[in-house]
Amino acid sequence: DEGPEEPPGRHQGHGPHAGVNAAVVLQLQPSGALELVAKAGVEVPPGLAIPQQGVIGAEVEEELLSAFGGRFEGVRTVPLVSTGGLFGALILLVEDGAPPPSALRLAEGLCDVAAMLLEQAYAYSALEASREAFARTETLRTLGQMAAVVAHEVKNPLAGIGAVIDVIAERLATLGLDEPLA
């Protein structure tokens, strides 16, 4: 879906803003909360309340438009989605009208690439966590083996000492000296 053609002379090209005046990036946290992680072309008002139910769409767009006090007329959310799921969204803000189709195509392409990179970063983090868990497991396994060797080495002399004590106790009994000392 290419969308309608842009009027001649308006928002043409792929310059630094391509017809978009500002953008914000929201990241979906593991808890389901949305967090503002980046912004361009706008200062975020203090106390901006981003809906916390992890739903990226009209409610978030309305909150942003309201927070900027009518400065922006148009808003468009481009989700950061990959096979790993929803990572967040790029929200484009336009002072006059709606974001042009060229800006939307560019944003969608960038979001696709960003989502793939985020998925790779999450996979790498999970791999590193697995490696650390494996290293801890190996360390605990080695400590367990060492404890078993130490226990075995301590048990052998104790068995010999126990045998000598039994022999001494038998000899004392044969000599009639097996009465406890008072």
C-alpha atoms as a PDB file:
ATOM      1  CA  ASP A   1       0.000   0.000   0.000  1.00  0.00           C
ATOM      2  CA  GLU A   2       1.862   3.030  -1.283  1.00  0.00           C
ATOM      3  CA  GLY A   3      -0.763   5.554  -0.134  1.00  0.00           C
ATOM      4  CA  PRO A   4      -1.744   8.672  -2.022  1.00  0.00           C
ATOM      5  CA  GLU A   5       0.859  10.632  -3.932  1.00  0.00           C
ATOM      6  CA  GLU A   6       2.212  13.723  -2.222  1.00  0.00           C
ATOM      7  CA  PRO A   7       1.251  17.115  -3.643  1.00  0.00           C
ATOM      8  CA  PRO A   8       4.094  18.612  -5.738  1.00  0.00           C
ATOM      9  CA  GLY A   9       6.480  20.769  -3.749  1.00  0.00           C
ATOM     10  CA  ARG A  10       5.284  19.514  -0.340  1.00  0.00           C
ATOM     11  CA  HIS A  11       7.304  17.109   1.813  1.00  0.00           C
ATOM     12  CA  GLN A  12       9.258  15.828  -1.176  1.00  0.00           C
ATOM     13  CA  GLY A  13      12.472  13.864  -0.818  1.00  0.00           C
ATOM     14  CA  HIS A  14      14.147  12.021   2.017  1.00  0.00           C
ATOM     15  CA  GLY A  15      15.914  14.881   3.791  1.00  0.00           C
ATOM     16  CA  PRO A  16      16.707  14.728   7.490  1.00  0.00           C
ATOM     17  CA  HIS A  17      13.032  15.027   8.471  1.00  0.00           C
ATOM     18  CA  ALA A  18      11.213  14.063   5.231  1.00  0.00           C
ATOM     19  CA  GLY A  19       8.144  16.066   6.299  1.00  0.00           C
ATOM     20  CA  VAL A  20       8.165  14.944   9.926  1.00  0.00           C
ATOM     21  CA  ASN A  21       8.777  17.598  12.591  1.00  0.00           C
ATOM     22  CA  ALA A  22       9.503  15.341  15.551  1.00  0.00           C
ATOM     23  CA  ALA A  23       9.707  11.708  16.574  1.00  0.00           C
ATOM     24  CA  VAL A  24       9.738   9.713  19.789  1.00  0.00           C
ATOM     25  CA  VAL A  25      10.649   6.081  20.372  1.00  0.00           C
ATOM     26  CA  LEU A  26       8.855   3.977  22.974  1.00  0.00           C
ATOM     27  CA  GLN A  27      10.238   0.662  24.177  1.00  0.00           C
ATOM     28  CA  LEU A  28       8.033  -2.115  25.494  1.00  0.00           C
ATOM     29  CA  GLN A  29       9.606  -3.317  28.745  1.00  0.00           C
ATOM     30  CA  PRO A  30       9.418  -6.980  29.869  1.00  0.00           C
ATOM     31  CA  SER A  31       6.957  -5.824  32.557  1.00  0.00           C
ATOM     32  CA  GLY A  32       4.610  -4.578  29.814  1.00  0.00           C
ATOM     33  CA  ALA A  33       5.269  -0.919  30.595  1.00  0.00           C
ATOM     34  CA  LEU A  34       6.103   1.560  27.847  1.00  0.00           C
ATOM     35  CA  GLU A  35       9.219   3.676  28.300  1.00  0.00           C
ATOM     36  CA  LEU A  36      10.266   6.726  26.298  1.00  0.00           C
ATOM     37  CA  VAL A  37      13.813   5.873  25.176  1.00  0.00           C
ATOM     38  CA  ALA A  38      14.569   8.448  22.461  1.00  0.00           C
ATOM     39  CA  LYS A  39      13.298  11.688  21.006  1.00  0.00           C
ATOM     40  CA  ALA A  40      14.158  14.024  18.141  1.00  0.00           C
ATOM     41  CA  GLY A  41      12.870  17.483  17.320  1.00  0.00           C
ATOM     42  CA  VAL A  42      10.911  17.892  20.534  1.00  0.00           C
ATOM     43  CA  GLU A  43      11.400  18.363  24.254  1.00  0.00           C
ATOM     44  CA  VAL A  44       9.268  15.957  26.221  1.00  0.00           C
ATOM     45  CA  PRO A  45       7.054  17.752  28.745  1.00  0.00           C
ATOM     46  CA  PRO A  46       7.733  16.883  32.388  1.00  0.00           C
ATOM     47  CA  GLY A  47       5.191  14.462  33.768  1.00  0.00           C
ATOM     48  CA  LEU A  48       4.304  12.928  30.411  1.00  0.00           C
ATOM     49  CA  ALA A  49       2.034   9.999  31.309  1.00  0.00           C
ATOM     50  CA  ILE A  50       2.445   7.194  28.809  1.00  0.00           C
ATOM     51  CA  PRO A  51      -0.322   4.593  29.195  1.00  0.00           C
ATOM     52  CA  GLN A  52       1.265   1.654  31.001  1.00  0.00           C
ATOM     53  CA  GLN A  53      -0.698  -1.287  29.645  1.00  0.00           C
ATOM     54  CA  GLY A  54       1.751  -2.002  26.823  1.00  0.00           C
ATOM     55  CA  VAL A  55      -0.753  -1.137  24.090  1.00  0.00           C
ATOM     56  CA  ILE A  56       0.823   1.020  21.425  1.00  0.00           C
ATOM     57  CA  GLY A  57      -1.752   2.863  19.366  1.00  0.00           C
ATOM     58  CA  ALA A  58      -4.432   5.521  19.505  1.00  0.00           C
ATOM     59  CA  GLU A  59      -4.326   6.053  23.279  1.00  0.00           C
ATOM     60  CA  VAL A  60      -0.573   6.711  23.221  1.00  0.00           C
ATOM     61  CA  GLU A  61      -0.924   8.969  20.169  1.00  0.00           C
ATOM     62  CA  GLU A  62      -3.665  10.991  21.878  1.00  0.00           C
ATOM     63  CA  GLU A  63      -1.590  11.324  25.049  1.00  0.00           C
ATOM     64  CA  LEU A  64       1.387  12.619  23.070  1.00  0.00           C
ATOM     65  CA  LEU A  65      -0.698  15.111  21.059  1.00  0.00           C
ATOM     66  CA  SER A  66      -2.251  16.370  24.278  1.00  0.00           C
ATOM     67  CA  ALA A  67       1.113  16.578  26.076  1.00  0.00           C
ATOM     68  CA  PHE A  68       2.548  18.797  23.348  1.00  0.00           C
ATOM     69  CA  GLY A  69      -0.317  21.267  23.738  1.00  0.00           C
ATOM     70  CA  GLY A  70      -1.601  21.286  20.197  1.00  0.00           C
ATOM     71  CA  ARG A  71       1.808  21.921  18.605  1.00  0.00           C
ATOM     72  CA  PHE A  72       1.348  18.856  16.426  1.00  0.00           C
ATOM     73  CA  GLU A  73      -1.609  18.135  14.202  1.00  0.00           C
ATOM     74  CA  GLY A  74      -0.667  14.759  12.794  1.00  0.00           C
ATOM     75  CA  VAL A  75       0.697  11.652  14.425  1.00  0.00           C
ATOM     76  CA  ARG A  76       1.497   8.187  13.144  1.00  0.00           C
ATOM     77  CA  THR A  77       2.740   5.161  15.050  1.00  0.00           C
ATOM     78  CA  VAL A  78       5.080   2.729  13.324  1.00  0.00           C
ATOM     79  CA  PRO A  79       5.524  -0.438  15.418  1.00  0.00           C
ATOM     80  CA  LEU A  80       8.908  -2.070  15.999  1.00  0.00           C
ATOM     81  CA  VAL A  81       7.878  -5.674  15.326  1.00  0.00           C
ATOM     82  CA  SER A  82       9.925  -8.724  14.434  1.00  0.00           C
ATOM     83  CA  THR A  83       9.556 -12.476  14.790  1.00  0.00           C
ATOM     84  CA  GLY A  84      10.388 -12.037  18.476  1.00  0.00           C
ATOM     85  CA  GLY A  85       7.275  -9.886  18.948  1.00  0.00           C
ATOM     86  CA  LEU A  86       6.586  -6.236  19.644  1.00  0.00           C
ATOM     87  CA  PHE A  87       9.618  -4.290  20.866  1.00  0.00           C
ATOM     88  CA  GLY A  88       8.142  -0.775  20.854  1.00  0.00           C
ATOM     89  CA  ALA A  89       7.203   1.953  18.390  1.00  0.00           C
ATOM     90  CA  LEU A  90       8.451   4.977  16.507  1.00  0.00           C
ATOM     91  CA  ILE A  91       5.921   7.779  16.737  1.00  0.00           C
ATOM     92  CA  LEU A  92       6.111  10.471  14.044  1.00  0.00           C
ATOM     93  CA  LEU A  93       4.720  13.936  14.822  1.00  0.00           C
ATOM     94  CA  VAL A  94       3.814  16.530  12.190  1.00  0.00           C
ATOM     95  CA  GLU A  95       2.860  20.155  12.840  1.00  0.00           C
ATOM     96  CA  ASP A  96       0.755  20.493   9.683  1.00  0.00           C
ATOM     97  CA  GLY A  97      -1.361  17.621   8.386  1.00  0.00           C
ATOM     98  CA  ALA A  98      -0.340  13.998   8.477  1.00  0.00           C
ATOM     99  CA  PRO A  99       3.077  12.435   7.913  1.00  0.00           C
ATOM    100  CA  PRO A 100       3.703  12.136   4.170  1.00  0.00           C
ATOM    101  CA  PRO A 101       3.805   8.690   2.526  1.00  0.00           C
ATOM    102  CA  SER A 102       7.554   8.991   1.817  1.00  0.00           C
ATOM    103  CA  ALA A 103       8.223   9.584   5.519  1.00  0.00           C
ATOM    104  CA  LEU A 104       6.031   6.625   6.446  1.00  0.00           C
ATOM    105  CA  ARG A 105       7.826   4.315   4.008  1.00  0.00           C
ATOM    106  CA  LEU A 106      11.204   5.478   5.332  1.00  0.00           C
ATOM    107  CA  ALA A 107      10.069   5.076   8.962  1.00  0.00           C
ATOM    108  CA  GLU A 108       8.651   1.602   8.289  1.00  0.00           C
ATOM    109  CA  GLY A 109      11.916   0.495   6.679  1.00  0.00           C
ATOM    110  CA  LEU A 110      13.956   1.891   9.550  1.00  0.00           C
ATOM    111  CA  CYS A 111      11.655   0.250  12.083  1.00  0.00           C
ATOM    112  CA  ASP A 112      11.998  -3.104  10.332  1.00  0.00           C
ATOM    113  CA  VAL A 113      15.791  -2.866  10.512  1.00  0.00           C
ATOM    114  CA  ALA A 114      15.720  -1.601  14.112  1.00  0.00           C
ATOM    115  CA  ALA A 115      13.398  -4.456  15.162  1.00  0.00           C
ATOM    116  CA  MET A 116      15.721  -7.044  13.608  1.00  0.00           C
ATOM    117  CA  LEU A 117      18.683  -5.470  15.415  1.00  0.00           C
ATOM    118  CA  LEU A 118      16.788  -5.432  18.707  1.00  0.00           C
ATOM    119  CA  GLU A 119      15.868  -9.086  18.233  1.00  0.00           C
ATOM    120  CA  GLN A 120      19.542  -9.923  17.657  1.00  0.00           C
ATOM    121  CA  ALA A 121      20.541  -7.902  20.726  1.00  0.00           C
ATOM    122  CA  TYR A 122      17.982  -9.742  22.877  1.00  0.00           C
ATOM    123  CA  ALA A 123      19.166 -13.088  21.494  1.00  0.00           C
ATOM    124  CA  TYR A 124      22.777 -12.167  22.254  1.00  0.00           C
ATOM    125  CA  SER A 125      21.818 -11.131  25.805  1.00  0.00           C
ATOM    126  CA  ALA A 126      20.028 -14.448  26.302  1.00  0.00           C
ATOM    127  CA  LEU A 127      23.078 -16.313  24.962  1.00  0.00           C
ATOM    128  CA  GLU A 128      25.373 -14.433  27.357  1.00  0.00           C
ATOM    129  CA  ALA A 129      23.032 -15.223  30.265  1.00  0.00           C
ATOM    130  CA  SER A 130      23.082 -18.916  29.271  1.00  0.00           C
ATOM    131  CA  ARG A 131      26.873 -18.892  29.117  1.00  0.00           C
ATOM    132  CA  GLU A 132      27.071 -17.327  32.578  1.00  0.00           C
ATOM    133  CA  ALA A 133      24.595 -19.875  33.958  1.00  0.00           C
ATOM    134  CA  PHE A 134      26.611 -22.709  32.387  1.00  0.00           C
ATOM    135  CA  ALA A 135      29.843 -21.333  33.906  1.00  0.00           C
ATOM    136  CA  ARG A 136      28.172 -21.164  37.354  1.00  0.00           C
ATOM    137  CA  THR A 137      26.903 -24.729  36.916  1.00  0.00           C
ATOM    138  CA  GLU A 138      30.373 -25.951  35.968  1.00  0.00           C
ATOM    139  CA  THR A 139      31.893 -24.159  38.967  1.00  0.00           C
ATOM    140  CA  LEU A 140      29.337 -25.752  41.315  1.00  0.00           C
ATOM    141  CA  ARG A 141      29.922 -29.174  39.733  1.00  0.00           C
ATOM    142  CA  THR A 142      33.682 -28.828  40.263  1.00  0.00           C
ATOM    143  CA  LEU A 143      33.178 -27.726  43.881  1.00  0.00           C
ATOM    144  CA  GLY A 144      30.923 -30.736  44.437  1.00  0.00           C
ATOM    145  CA  GLN A 145      33.582 -33.078  43.086  1.00  0.00           C
ATOM    146  CA  MET A 146      36.229 -31.468  45.291  1.00  0.00           C
ATOM    147  CA  ALA A 147      33.977 -31.802  48.355  1.00  0.00           C
ATOM    148  CA  ALA A 148      33.452 -35.502  47.577  1.00  0.00           C
ATOM    149  CA  VAL A 149      37.228 -36.077  47.330  1.00  0.00           C
ATOM    150  CA  VAL A 150      37.845 -34.222  50.617  1.00  0.00           C
ATOM    151  CA  ALA A 151      35.064 -36.190  52.347  1.00  0.00           C
ATOM    152  CA  HIS A 152      36.550 -39.445  51.047  1.00  0.00           C
ATOM    153  CA  GLU A 153      40.063 -38.510  52.195  1.00  0.00           C
ATOM    154  CA  VAL A 154      38.790 -37.531  55.649  1.00  0.00           C
ATOM    155  CA  LYS A 155      36.664 -40.681  55.937  1.00  0.00           C
ATOM    156  CA  ASN A 156      39.544 -43.105  55.220  1.00  0.00           C
ATOM    157  CA  PRO A 157      41.754 -42.043  58.153  1.00  0.00           C
ATOM    158  CA  LEU A 158      38.717 -41.864  60.439  1.00  0.00           C
ATOM    159  CA  ALA A 159      37.847 -45.458  59.529  1.00  0.00           C
ATOM    160  CA  GLY A 160      41.380 -46.550  60.495  1.00  0.00           C
ATOM    161  CA  ILE A 161      41.214 -44.607  63.752  1.00  0.00           C
ATOM    162  CA  GLY A 162      37.821 -46.180  64.493  1.00  0.00           C
ATOM    163  CA  ALA A 163      39.251 -49.654  63.905  1.00  0.00           C
ATOM    164  CA  VAL A 164      42.182 -48.980  66.282  1.00  0.00           C
ATOM    165  CA  ILE A 165      39.756 -47.687  68.939  1.00  0.00           C
ATOM    166  CA  ASP A 166      37.685 -50.878  68.582  1.00  0.00           C
ATOM    167  CA  VAL A 167      40.824 -53.045  69.042  1.00  0.00           C
ATOM    168  CA  ILE A 168      41.861 -51.039  72.104  1.00  0.00           C
ATOM    169  CA  ALA A 169      38.336 -51.346  73.546  1.00  0.00           C
ATOM    170  CA  GLU A 170      38.426 -55.162  73.057  1.00  0.00           C
ATOM    171  CA  ARG A 171      41.811 -55.471  74.759  1.00  0.00           C
ATOM    172  CA  LEU A 172      40.695 -53.318  77.649  1.00  0.00           C
ATOM    173  CA  ALA A 173      37.607 -55.509  77.992  1.00  0.00           C
ATOM    174  CA  THR A 174      39.743 -58.667  78.063  1.00  0.00           C
ATOM    175  CA  LEU A 175      41.893 -57.144  80.798  1.00  0.00           C
ATOM    176  CA  GLY A 176      38.770 -56.142  82.708  1.00  0.00           C
ATOM    177  CA  LEU A 177      39.507 -52.472  82.338  1.00  0.00           C
ATOM    178  CA  ASP A 178      36.428 -51.658  80.356  1.00  0.00           C
ATOM    179  CA  GLU A 179      34.658 -49.913  83.231  1.00  0.00           C
ATOM    180  CA  PRO A 180      34.066 -46.220  82.662  1.00  0.00           C
ATOM    181  CA  LEU A 181      36.207 -43.942  84.708  1.00  0.00           C
ATOM    182  CA  ALA A 182      34.254 -41.942  87.242  1.00  0.00           C
END
